[in-house]
Amino acid sequence: MSGACTKMMSEYDLGLRFHKSPRKKRPTPERSDLGNPILTMTDKEIFNTFASLIDSPDASPFLKRLAQAGLVAMPQDKALILKTWPRIMMQYGPHTKRYTES
């Protein structure tokens, strides 16, 4: 095995990618370009969304507790709650019938 290759050859070395730029990296949680971390709702709309969820008779107890946590959470945590459970905005957000102004 005296002629064993010590370096792995890339697609460019093998000639498999002619005159092409390197492939783009897939998004990972460490990368900052995964999306816009800023919510497009105002603080009042976020508050009313969580309050509408709490007041809703057909909401699950889990979502109601999540909304209670959202009312007292820091802005980054509110954004995390709304991104993790998009159903909250889709069912109780400002554009829905279940949304109520307080």
PDB file of N, CA and C in Angstrom:
ATOM      1  N   MET A   1       0.829  -1.197   0.000  1.00  0.00           N
ATOM      2  CA  MET A   1       0.000   0.000   0.000  1.00  0.00           C
ATOM      3  C   MET A   1       0.862   1.245   0.000  1.00  0.00           C
ATOM      4  N   SER A   2       1.900   1.206  -0.744  1.00  0.00           N
ATOM      5  CA  SER A   2       2.807   2.342  -0.788  1.00  0.00           C
ATOM      6  C   SER A   2       2.224   3.502  -1.599  1.00  0.00           C
ATOM      7  N   GLY A   3       1.300   3.226  -2.485  1.00  0.00           N
ATOM      8  CA  GLY A   3       0.721   4.272  -3.316  1.00  0.00           C
ATOM      9  C   GLY A   3      -0.608   4.783  -2.787  1.00  0.00           C
ATOM     10  N   ALA A   4      -0.906   4.594  -1.499  1.00  0.00           N
ATOM     11  CA  ALA A   4      -2.183   5.018  -0.929  1.00  0.00           C
ATOM     12  C   ALA A   4      -2.285   6.537  -0.934  1.00  0.00           C
ATOM     13  N   CYS A   5      -3.433   7.005  -1.237  1.00  0.00           N
ATOM     14  CA  CYS A   5      -3.683   8.446  -1.295  1.00  0.00           C
ATOM     15  C   CYS A   5      -3.874   8.973   0.122  1.00  0.00           C
ATOM     16  N   THR A   6      -3.173  10.009   0.486  1.00  0.00           N
ATOM     17  CA  THR A   6      -3.293  10.571   1.826  1.00  0.00           C
ATOM     18  C   THR A   6      -4.259  11.740   1.856  1.00  0.00           C
ATOM     19  N   LYS A   7      -4.637  12.261   0.708  1.00  0.00           N
ATOM     20  CA  LYS A   7      -5.549  13.402   0.635  1.00  0.00           C
ATOM     21  C   LYS A   7      -6.775  13.004  -0.172  1.00  0.00           C
ATOM     22  N   MET A   8      -7.943  13.335   0.351  1.00  0.00           N
ATOM     23  CA  MET A   8      -9.175  13.032  -0.368  1.00  0.00           C
ATOM     24  C   MET A   8      -9.346  14.046  -1.494  1.00  0.00           C
ATOM     25  N   MET A   9      -9.685  13.575  -2.659  1.00  0.00           N
ATOM     26  CA  MET A   9      -9.829  14.463  -3.809  1.00  0.00           C
ATOM     27  C   MET A   9     -11.218  15.081  -3.826  1.00  0.00           C
ATOM     28  N   SER A  10     -11.268  16.346  -4.194  1.00  0.00           N
ATOM     29  CA  SER A  10     -12.546  17.050  -4.249  1.00  0.00           C
ATOM     30  C   SER A  10     -13.194  16.858  -5.616  1.00  0.00           C
ATOM     31  N   GLU A  11     -14.416  17.357  -5.741  1.00  0.00           N
ATOM     32  CA  GLU A  11     -15.133  17.298  -7.018  1.00  0.00           C
ATOM     33  C   GLU A  11     -14.385  18.083  -8.088  1.00  0.00           C
ATOM     34  N   TYR A  12     -13.714  19.148  -7.677  1.00  0.00           N
ATOM     35  CA  TYR A  12     -12.964  19.972  -8.623  1.00  0.00           C
ATOM     36  C   TYR A  12     -11.741  19.226  -9.147  1.00  0.00           C
ATOM     37  N   ASP A  13     -11.030  18.525  -8.231  1.00  0.00           N
ATOM     38  CA  ASP A  13      -9.849  17.755  -8.632  1.00  0.00           C
ATOM     39  C   ASP A  13     -10.220  16.633  -9.593  1.00  0.00           C
ATOM     40  N   LEU A  14     -11.385  16.037  -9.380  1.00  0.00           N
ATOM     41  CA  LEU A  14     -11.818  14.930 -10.223  1.00  0.00           C
ATOM     42  C   LEU A  14     -12.433  15.405 -11.543  1.00  0.00           C
ATOM     43  N   GLY A  15     -12.709  16.701 -11.633  1.00  0.00           N
ATOM     44  CA  GLY A  15     -13.291  17.238 -12.848  1.00  0.00           C
ATOM     45  C   GLY A  15     -14.784  17.023 -12.951  1.00  0.00           C
ATOM     46  N   LEU A  16     -15.455  16.818 -11.814  1.00  0.00           N
ATOM     47  CA  LEU A  16     -16.891  16.570 -11.839  1.00  0.00           C
ATOM     48  C   LEU A  16     -17.702  17.858 -11.860  1.00  0.00           C
ATOM     49  N   ARG A  17     -17.103  18.947 -11.454  1.00  0.00           N
ATOM     50  CA  ARG A  17     -17.816  20.228 -11.448  1.00  0.00           C
ATOM     51  C   ARG A  17     -17.004  21.209 -12.294  1.00  0.00           C
ATOM     52  N   PHE A  18     -17.396  21.369 -13.539  1.00  0.00           N
ATOM     53  CA  PHE A  18     -16.680  22.224 -14.472  1.00  0.00           C
ATOM     54  C   PHE A  18     -17.182  23.657 -14.391  1.00  0.00           C
ATOM     55  N   HIS A  19     -16.296  24.569 -14.113  1.00  0.00           N
ATOM     56  CA  HIS A  19     -16.583  26.003 -14.117  1.00  0.00           C
ATOM     57  C   HIS A  19     -17.814  26.357 -13.282  1.00  0.00           C
ATOM     58  N   LYS A  20     -17.946  25.726 -12.148  1.00  0.00           N
ATOM     59  CA  LYS A  20     -19.066  26.029 -11.263  1.00  0.00           C
ATOM     60  C   LYS A  20     -18.518  26.484  -9.922  1.00  0.00           C
ATOM     61  N   SER A  21     -19.272  27.306  -9.281  1.00  0.00           N
ATOM     62  CA  SER A  21     -18.853  27.758  -7.955  1.00  0.00           C
ATOM     63  C   SER A  21     -19.178  26.665  -6.933  1.00  0.00           C
ATOM     64  N   PRO A  22     -18.556  26.715  -5.767  1.00  0.00           N
ATOM     65  CA  PRO A  22     -18.847  25.708  -4.745  1.00  0.00           C
ATOM     66  C   PRO A  22     -20.314  25.742  -4.341  1.00  0.00           C
ATOM     67  N   ARG A  23     -20.806  24.616  -3.903  1.00  0.00           N
ATOM     68  CA  ARG A  23     -22.205  24.527  -3.478  1.00  0.00           C
ATOM     69  C   ARG A  23     -22.436  25.385  -2.242  1.00  0.00           C
ATOM     70  N   LYS A  24     -23.651  25.896  -2.146  1.00  0.00           N
ATOM     71  CA  LYS A  24     -24.013  26.695  -0.982  1.00  0.00           C
ATOM     72  C   LYS A  24     -24.197  25.778   0.214  1.00  0.00           C
ATOM     73  N   LYS A  25     -23.861  26.298   1.370  1.00  0.00           N
ATOM     74  CA  LYS A  25     -24.030  25.516   2.592  1.00  0.00           C
ATOM     75  C   LYS A  25     -25.490  25.525   2.994  1.00  0.00           C
ATOM     76  N   ARG A  26     -25.910  24.432   3.546  1.00  0.00           N
ATOM     77  CA  ARG A  26     -27.280  24.364   4.050  1.00  0.00           C
ATOM     78  C   ARG A  26     -27.375  25.177   5.329  1.00  0.00           C
ATOM     79  N   PRO A  27     -28.534  25.783   5.595  1.00  0.00           N
ATOM     80  CA  PRO A  27     -28.667  26.556   6.830  1.00  0.00           C
ATOM     81  C   PRO A  27     -28.611  25.647   8.051  1.00  0.00           C
ATOM     82  N   THR A  28     -27.916  26.099   9.049  1.00  0.00           N
ATOM     83  CA  THR A  28     -27.827  25.387  10.317  1.00  0.00           C
ATOM     84  C   THR A  28     -28.162  26.353  11.435  1.00  0.00           C
ATOM     85  N   PRO A  29     -28.514  25.859  12.611  1.00  0.00           N
ATOM     86  CA  PRO A  29     -28.874  26.770  13.706  1.00  0.00           C
ATOM     87  C   PRO A  29     -27.765  27.736  14.100  1.00  0.00           C
ATOM     88  N   GLU A  30     -26.514  27.413  13.815  1.00  0.00           N
ATOM     89  CA  GLU A  30     -25.421  28.305  14.167  1.00  0.00           C
ATOM     90  C   GLU A  30     -25.342  29.522  13.248  1.00  0.00           C
ATOM     91  N   ARG A  31     -25.951  29.413  12.062  1.00  0.00           N
ATOM     92  CA  ARG A  31     -25.852  30.494  11.091  1.00  0.00           C
ATOM     93  C   ARG A  31     -26.918  31.545  11.352  1.00  0.00           C
ATOM     94  N   SER A  32     -26.549  32.796  11.138  1.00  0.00           N
ATOM     95  CA  SER A  32     -27.475  33.890  11.424  1.00  0.00           C
ATOM     96  C   SER A  32     -28.431  34.179  10.278  1.00  0.00           C
ATOM     97  N   ASP A  33     -28.232  33.574   9.109  1.00  0.00           N
ATOM     98  CA  ASP A  33     -29.069  33.913   7.951  1.00  0.00           C
ATOM     99  C   ASP A  33     -30.208  32.919   7.756  1.00  0.00           C
ATOM    100  N   LEU A  34     -30.745  32.379   8.826  1.00  0.00           N
ATOM    101  CA  LEU A  34     -31.826  31.405   8.716  1.00  0.00           C
ATOM    102  C   LEU A  34     -33.179  32.051   8.466  1.00  0.00           C
ATOM    103  N   GLY A  35     -33.269  33.314   8.665  1.00  0.00           N
ATOM    104  CA  GLY A  35     -34.542  33.987   8.485  1.00  0.00           C
ATOM    105  C   GLY A  35     -34.555  35.254   9.310  1.00  0.00           C
ATOM    106  N   ASN A  36     -35.608  35.940   9.236  1.00  0.00           N
ATOM    107  CA  ASN A  36     -35.718  37.195   9.951  1.00  0.00           C
ATOM    108  C   ASN A  36     -36.116  36.925  11.396  1.00  0.00           C
ATOM    109  N   PRO A  37     -35.271  37.242  12.383  1.00  0.00           N
ATOM    110  CA  PRO A  37     -35.627  36.984  13.772  1.00  0.00           C
ATOM    111  C   PRO A  37     -36.622  38.001  14.329  1.00  0.00           C
ATOM    112  N   ILE A  38     -36.907  39.062  13.570  1.00  0.00           N
ATOM    113  CA  ILE A  38     -37.807  40.107  14.039  1.00  0.00           C
ATOM    114  C   ILE A  38     -39.239  39.750  13.652  1.00  0.00           C
ATOM    115  N   LEU A  39     -40.130  39.851  14.615  1.00  0.00           N
ATOM    116  CA  LEU A  39     -41.540  39.589  14.330  1.00  0.00           C
ATOM    117  C   LEU A  39     -42.142  40.796  13.629  1.00  0.00           C
ATOM    118  N   THR A  40     -43.094  40.547  12.760  1.00  0.00           N
ATOM    119  CA  THR A  40     -43.732  41.640  12.027  1.00  0.00           C
ATOM    120  C   THR A  40     -44.965  42.173  12.747  1.00  0.00           C
ATOM    121  N   MET A  41     -45.211  41.709  13.954  1.00  0.00           N
ATOM    122  CA  MET A  41     -46.350  42.178  14.734  1.00  0.00           C
ATOM    123  C   MET A  41     -45.872  43.185  15.777  1.00  0.00           C
ATOM    124  N   THR A  42     -46.733  44.122  16.124  1.00  0.00           N
ATOM    125  CA  THR A  42     -46.395  45.075  17.175  1.00  0.00           C
ATOM    126  C   THR A  42     -46.537  44.397  18.532  1.00  0.00           C
ATOM    127  N   ASP A  43     -46.014  45.050  19.569  1.00  0.00           N
ATOM    128  CA  ASP A  43     -46.124  44.491  20.921  1.00  0.00           C
ATOM    129  C   ASP A  43     -47.585  44.346  21.343  1.00  0.00           C
ATOM    130  N   LYS A  44     -48.406  45.324  20.961  1.00  0.00           N
ATOM    131  CA  LYS A  44     -49.834  45.254  21.308  1.00  0.00           C
ATOM    132  C   LYS A  44     -50.512  44.084  20.596  1.00  0.00           C
ATOM    133  N   GLU A  45     -50.165  43.851  19.326  1.00  0.00           N
ATOM    134  CA  GLU A  45     -50.746  42.726  18.594  1.00  0.00           C
ATOM    135  C   GLU A  45     -50.300  41.387  19.189  1.00  0.00           C
ATOM    136  N   ILE A  46     -49.048  41.301  19.616  1.00  0.00           N
ATOM    137  CA  ILE A  46     -48.569  40.073  20.249  1.00  0.00           C
ATOM    138  C   ILE A  46     -49.314  39.844  21.553  1.00  0.00           C
ATOM    139  N   PHE A  47     -49.465  40.907  22.352  1.00  0.00           N
ATOM    140  CA  PHE A  47     -50.202  40.792  23.612  1.00  0.00           C
ATOM    141  C   PHE A  47     -51.637  40.357  23.348  1.00  0.00           C
ATOM    142  N   ASN A  48     -52.302  41.001  22.376  1.00  0.00           N
ATOM    143  CA  ASN A  48     -53.693  40.656  22.071  1.00  0.00           C
ATOM    144  C   ASN A  48     -53.823  39.240  21.522  1.00  0.00           C
ATOM    145  N   THR A  49     -52.828  38.767  20.787  1.00  0.00           N
ATOM    146  CA  THR A  49     -52.849  37.403  20.278  1.00  0.00           C
ATOM    147  C   THR A  49     -52.820  36.413  21.434  1.00  0.00           C
ATOM    148  N   PHE A  50     -51.898  36.622  22.385  1.00  0.00           N
ATOM    149  CA  PHE A  50     -51.823  35.732  23.546  1.00  0.00           C
ATOM    150  C   PHE A  50     -53.088  35.837  24.404  1.00  0.00           C
ATOM    151  N   ALA A  51     -53.606  37.063  24.576  1.00  0.00           N
ATOM    152  CA  ALA A  51     -54.825  37.251  25.374  1.00  0.00           C
ATOM    153  C   ALA A  51     -56.025  36.594  24.689  1.00  0.00           C
ATOM    154  N   SER A  52     -56.104  36.680  23.367  1.00  0.00           N
ATOM    155  CA  SER A  52     -57.195  36.043  22.628  1.00  0.00           C
ATOM    156  C   SER A  52     -57.149  34.529  22.797  1.00  0.00           C
ATOM    157  N   LEU A  53     -55.955  33.988  22.805  1.00  0.00           N
ATOM    158  CA  LEU A  53     -55.793  32.548  22.995  1.00  0.00           C
ATOM    159  C   LEU A  53     -56.234  32.132  24.391  1.00  0.00           C
ATOM    160  N   ILE A  54     -55.851  32.901  25.392  1.00  0.00           N
ATOM    161  CA  ILE A  54     -56.229  32.575  26.771  1.00  0.00           C
ATOM    162  C   ILE A  54     -57.744  32.645  26.950  1.00  0.00           C
ATOM    163  N   ASP A  55     -58.392  33.633  26.323  1.00  0.00           N
ATOM    164  CA  ASP A  55     -59.841  33.813  26.462  1.00  0.00           C
ATOM    165  C   ASP A  55     -60.657  32.866  25.589  1.00  0.00           C
ATOM    166  N   SER A  56     -60.020  32.166  24.677  1.00  0.00           N
ATOM    167  CA  SER A  56     -60.745  31.292  23.765  1.00  0.00           C
ATOM    168  C   SER A  56     -61.246  30.034  24.482  1.00  0.00           C
ATOM    169  N   PRO A  57     -62.541  29.723  24.353  1.00  0.00           N
ATOM    170  CA  PRO A  57     -63.070  28.533  25.024  1.00  0.00           C
ATOM    171  C   PRO A  57     -62.649  27.220  24.376  1.00  0.00           C
ATOM    172  N   ASP A  58     -62.256  27.264  23.101  1.00  0.00           N
ATOM    173  CA  ASP A  58     -61.913  26.014  22.425  1.00  0.00           C
ATOM    174  C   ASP A  58     -60.405  25.760  22.324  1.00  0.00           C
ATOM    175  N   ALA A  59     -59.585  26.594  22.967  1.00  0.00           N
ATOM    176  CA  ALA A  59     -58.132  26.391  22.950  1.00  0.00           C
ATOM    177  C   ALA A  59     -57.750  25.295  23.939  1.00  0.00           C
ATOM    178  N   SER A  60     -56.693  24.571  23.618  1.00  0.00           N
ATOM    179  CA  SER A  60     -56.236  23.499  24.509  1.00  0.00           C
ATOM    180  C   SER A  60     -55.565  24.103  25.743  1.00  0.00           C
ATOM    181  N   PRO A  61     -55.593  23.378  26.853  1.00  0.00           N
ATOM    182  CA  PRO A  61     -54.926  23.870  28.070  1.00  0.00           C
ATOM    183  C   PRO A  61     -53.434  24.132  27.855  1.00  0.00           C
ATOM    184  N   PHE A  62     -52.797  23.315  27.024  1.00  0.00           N
ATOM    185  CA  PHE A  62     -51.372  23.508  26.744  1.00  0.00           C
ATOM    186  C   PHE A  62     -51.132  24.851  26.065  1.00  0.00           C
ATOM    187  N   LEU A  63     -51.932  25.168  25.041  1.00  0.00           N
ATOM    188  CA  LEU A  63     -51.754  26.436  24.341  1.00  0.00           C
ATOM    189  C   LEU A  63     -52.079  27.622  25.244  1.00  0.00           C
ATOM    190  N   LYS A  64     -53.061  27.455  26.135  1.00  0.00           N
ATOM    191  CA  LYS A  64     -53.384  28.533  27.071  1.00  0.00           C
ATOM    192  C   LYS A  64     -52.220  28.808  28.017  1.00  0.00           C
ATOM    193  N   ARG A  65     -51.583  27.742  28.512  1.00  0.00           N
ATOM    194  CA  ARG A  65     -50.411  27.922  29.384  1.00  0.00           C
ATOM    195  C   ARG A  65     -49.255  28.535  28.615  1.00  0.00           C
ATOM    196  N   LEU A  66     -49.101  28.148  27.380  1.00  0.00           N
ATOM    197  CA  LEU A  66     -48.058  28.714  26.537  1.00  0.00           C
ATOM    198  C   LEU A  66     -48.302  30.214  26.322  1.00  0.00           C
ATOM    199  N   ALA A  67     -49.553  30.588  26.136  1.00  0.00           N
ATOM    200  CA  ALA A  67     -49.904  31.995  25.972  1.00  0.00           C
ATOM    201  C   ALA A  67     -49.667  32.770  27.267  1.00  0.00           C
ATOM    202  N   GLN A  68     -49.952  32.148  28.410  1.00  0.00           N
ATOM    203  CA  GLN A  68     -49.667  32.804  29.688  1.00  0.00           C
ATOM    204  C   GLN A  68     -48.171  33.050  29.846  1.00  0.00           C
ATOM    205  N   ALA A  69     -47.371  32.080  29.427  1.00  0.00           N
ATOM    206  CA  ALA A  69     -45.920  32.260  29.471  1.00  0.00           C
ATOM    207  C   ALA A  69     -45.492  33.361  28.503  1.00  0.00           C
ATOM    208  N   GLY A  70     -46.159  33.428  27.357  1.00  0.00           N
ATOM    209  CA  GLY A  70     -45.831  34.450  26.378  1.00  0.00           C
ATOM    210  C   GLY A  70     -46.120  35.862  26.859  1.00  0.00           C
ATOM    211  N   LEU A  71     -47.129  36.007  27.707  1.00  0.00           N
ATOM    212  CA  LEU A  71     -47.464  37.336  28.226  1.00  0.00           C
ATOM    213  C   LEU A  71     -46.361  37.897  29.112  1.00  0.00           C
ATOM    214  N   VAL A  72     -45.647  37.047  29.818  1.00  0.00           N
ATOM    215  CA  VAL A  72     -44.616  37.516  30.744  1.00  0.00           C
ATOM    216  C   VAL A  72     -43.200  37.287  30.217  1.00  0.00           C
ATOM    217  N   ALA A  73     -43.067  36.760  29.013  1.00  0.00           N
ATOM    218  CA  ALA A  73     -41.757  36.419  28.456  1.00  0.00           C
ATOM    219  C   ALA A  73     -41.023  37.654  27.943  1.00  0.00           C
ATOM    220  N   MET A  74     -39.712  37.499  27.817  1.00  0.00           N
ATOM    221  CA  MET A  74     -38.873  38.522  27.193  1.00  0.00           C
ATOM    222  C   MET A  74     -39.146  38.507  25.683  1.00  0.00           C
ATOM    223  N   PRO A  75     -38.834  39.598  24.976  1.00  0.00           N
ATOM    224  CA  PRO A  75     -39.133  39.658  23.539  1.00  0.00           C
ATOM    225  C   PRO A  75     -38.553  38.507  22.720  1.00  0.00           C
ATOM    226  N   GLN A  76     -37.332  38.070  23.030  1.00  0.00           N
ATOM    227  CA  GLN A  76     -36.739  36.956  22.278  1.00  0.00           C
ATOM    228  C   GLN A  76     -37.518  35.669  22.521  1.00  0.00           C
ATOM    229  N   ASP A  77     -38.003  35.485  23.753  1.00  0.00           N
ATOM    230  CA  ASP A  77     -38.757  34.278  24.076  1.00  0.00           C
ATOM    231  C   ASP A  77     -40.152  34.314  23.452  1.00  0.00           C
ATOM    232  N   LYS A  78     -40.742  35.497  23.364  1.00  0.00           N
ATOM    233  CA  LYS A  78     -42.028  35.624  22.671  1.00  0.00           C
ATOM    234  C   LYS A  78     -41.874  35.240  21.206  1.00  0.00           C
ATOM    235  N   ALA A  79     -40.794  35.726  20.598  1.00  0.00           N
ATOM    236  CA  ALA A  79     -40.533  35.394  19.199  1.00  0.00           C
ATOM    237  C   ALA A  79     -40.325  33.891  19.036  1.00  0.00           C
ATOM    238  N   LEU A  80     -39.628  33.281  19.983  1.00  0.00           N
ATOM    239  CA  LEU A  80     -39.395  31.840  19.927  1.00  0.00           C
ATOM    240  C   LEU A  80     -40.705  31.064  20.048  1.00  0.00           C
ATOM    241  N   ILE A  81     -41.578  31.486  20.947  1.00  0.00           N
ATOM    242  CA  ILE A  81     -42.877  30.815  21.115  1.00  0.00           C
ATOM    243  C   ILE A  81     -43.689  30.901  19.817  1.00  0.00           C
ATOM    244  N   LEU A  82     -43.751  32.088  19.236  1.00  0.00           N
ATOM    245  CA  LEU A  82     -44.567  32.277  18.036  1.00  0.00           C
ATOM    246  C   LEU A  82     -43.969  31.600  16.815  1.00  0.00           C
ATOM    247  N   LYS A  83     -42.641  31.460  16.773  1.00  0.00           N
ATOM    248  CA  LYS A  83     -42.021  30.746  15.660  1.00  0.00           C
ATOM    249  C   LYS A  83     -42.143  29.236  15.819  1.00  0.00           C
ATOM    250  N   THR A  84     -42.068  28.774  17.054  1.00  0.00           N
ATOM    251  CA  THR A  84     -42.141  27.335  17.303  1.00  0.00           C
ATOM    252  C   THR A  84     -43.555  26.814  17.127  1.00  0.00           C
ATOM    253  N   TRP A  85     -44.529  27.599  17.512  1.00  0.00           N
ATOM    254  CA  TRP A  85     -45.942  27.211  17.365  1.00  0.00           C
ATOM    255  C   TRP A  85     -46.640  28.211  16.456  1.00  0.00           C
ATOM    256  N   PRO A  86     -46.445  28.121  15.139  1.00  0.00           N
ATOM    257  CA  PRO A  86     -47.065  29.080  14.225  1.00  0.00           C
ATOM    258  C   PRO A  86     -48.589  28.999  14.231  1.00  0.00           C
ATOM    259  N   ARG A  87     -49.115  27.897  14.752  1.00  0.00           N
ATOM    260  CA  ARG A  87     -50.573  27.737  14.844  1.00  0.00           C
ATOM    261  C   ARG A  87     -51.189  28.846  15.700  1.00  0.00           C
ATOM    262  N   ILE A  88     -50.423  29.356  16.673  1.00  0.00           N
ATOM    263  CA  ILE A  88     -50.936  30.436  17.524  1.00  0.00           C
ATOM    264  C   ILE A  88     -51.252  31.657  16.668  1.00  0.00           C
ATOM    265  N   MET A  89     -50.324  32.056  15.814  1.00  0.00           N
ATOM    266  CA  MET A  89     -50.571  33.220  14.955  1.00  0.00           C
ATOM    267  C   MET A  89     -51.613  32.921  13.898  1.00  0.00           C
ATOM    268  N   MET A  90     -51.612  31.685  13.378  1.00  0.00           N
ATOM    269  CA  MET A  90     -52.560  31.351  12.314  1.00  0.00           C
ATOM    270  C   MET A  90     -53.995  31.297  12.828  1.00  0.00           C
ATOM    271  N   GLN A  91     -54.200  30.906  14.093  1.00  0.00           N
ATOM    272  CA  GLN A  91     -55.561  30.781  14.613  1.00  0.00           C
ATOM    273  C   GLN A  91     -56.005  31.950  15.479  1.00  0.00           C
ATOM    274  N   TYR A  92     -55.042  32.657  16.106  1.00  0.00           N
ATOM    275  CA  TYR A  92     -55.414  33.724  17.040  1.00  0.00           C
ATOM    276  C   TYR A  92     -54.746  35.056  16.736  1.00  0.00           C
ATOM    277  N   GLY A  93     -54.022  35.155  15.615  1.00  0.00           N
ATOM    278  CA  GLY A  93     -53.310  36.381  15.252  1.00  0.00           C
ATOM    279  C   GLY A  93     -54.237  37.482  14.779  1.00  0.00           C
ATOM    280  N   PRO A  94     -53.664  38.666  14.502  1.00  0.00           N
ATOM    281  CA  PRO A  94     -54.463  39.844  14.141  1.00  0.00           C
ATOM    282  C   PRO A  94     -55.348  39.675  12.906  1.00  0.00           C
ATOM    283  N   HIS A  95     -55.043  38.780  12.032  1.00  0.00           N
ATOM    284  CA  HIS A  95     -55.810  38.622  10.787  1.00  0.00           C
ATOM    285  C   HIS A  95     -56.934  37.583  10.921  1.00  0.00           C
ATOM    286  N   THR A  96     -57.165  37.046  12.113  1.00  0.00           N
ATOM    287  CA  THR A  96     -58.141  35.971  12.283  1.00  0.00           C
ATOM    288  C   THR A  96     -59.407  36.446  12.970  1.00  0.00           C
ATOM    289  N   LYS A  97     -60.426  35.585  12.932  1.00  0.00           N
ATOM    290  CA  LYS A  97     -61.709  35.907  13.582  1.00  0.00           C
ATOM    291  C   LYS A  97     -61.609  35.807  15.097  1.00  0.00           C
ATOM    292  N   ARG A  98     -60.704  34.976  15.607  1.00  0.00           N
ATOM    293  CA  ARG A  98     -60.594  34.768  17.054  1.00  0.00           C
ATOM    294  C   ARG A  98     -59.815  35.877  17.762  1.00  0.00           C
ATOM    295  N   TYR A  99     -59.180  36.751  17.003  1.00  0.00           N
ATOM    296  CA  TYR A  99     -58.386  37.839  17.570  1.00  0.00           C
ATOM    297  C   TYR A  99     -59.303  38.899  18.152  1.00  0.00           C
ATOM    298  N   THR A 100     -59.023  39.319  19.370  1.00  0.00           N
ATOM    299  CA  THR A 100     -59.806  40.376  20.012  1.00  0.00           C
ATOM    300  C   THR A 100     -58.880  41.466  20.509  1.00  0.00           C
ATOM    301  N   GLU A 101     -59.304  42.704  20.329  1.00  0.00           N
ATOM    302  CA  GLU A 101     -58.542  43.859  20.827  1.00  0.00           C
ATOM    303  C   GLU A 101     -58.874  44.045  22.304  1.00  0.00           C
ATOM    304  N   SER A 102     -57.846  44.381  23.082  1.00  0.00           N
ATOM    305  CA  SER A 102     -58.123  44.639  24.510  1.00  0.00           C
ATOM    306  C   SER A 102     -57.810  46.064  24.875  1.00  0.00           C
TER     307      SER A 102
END
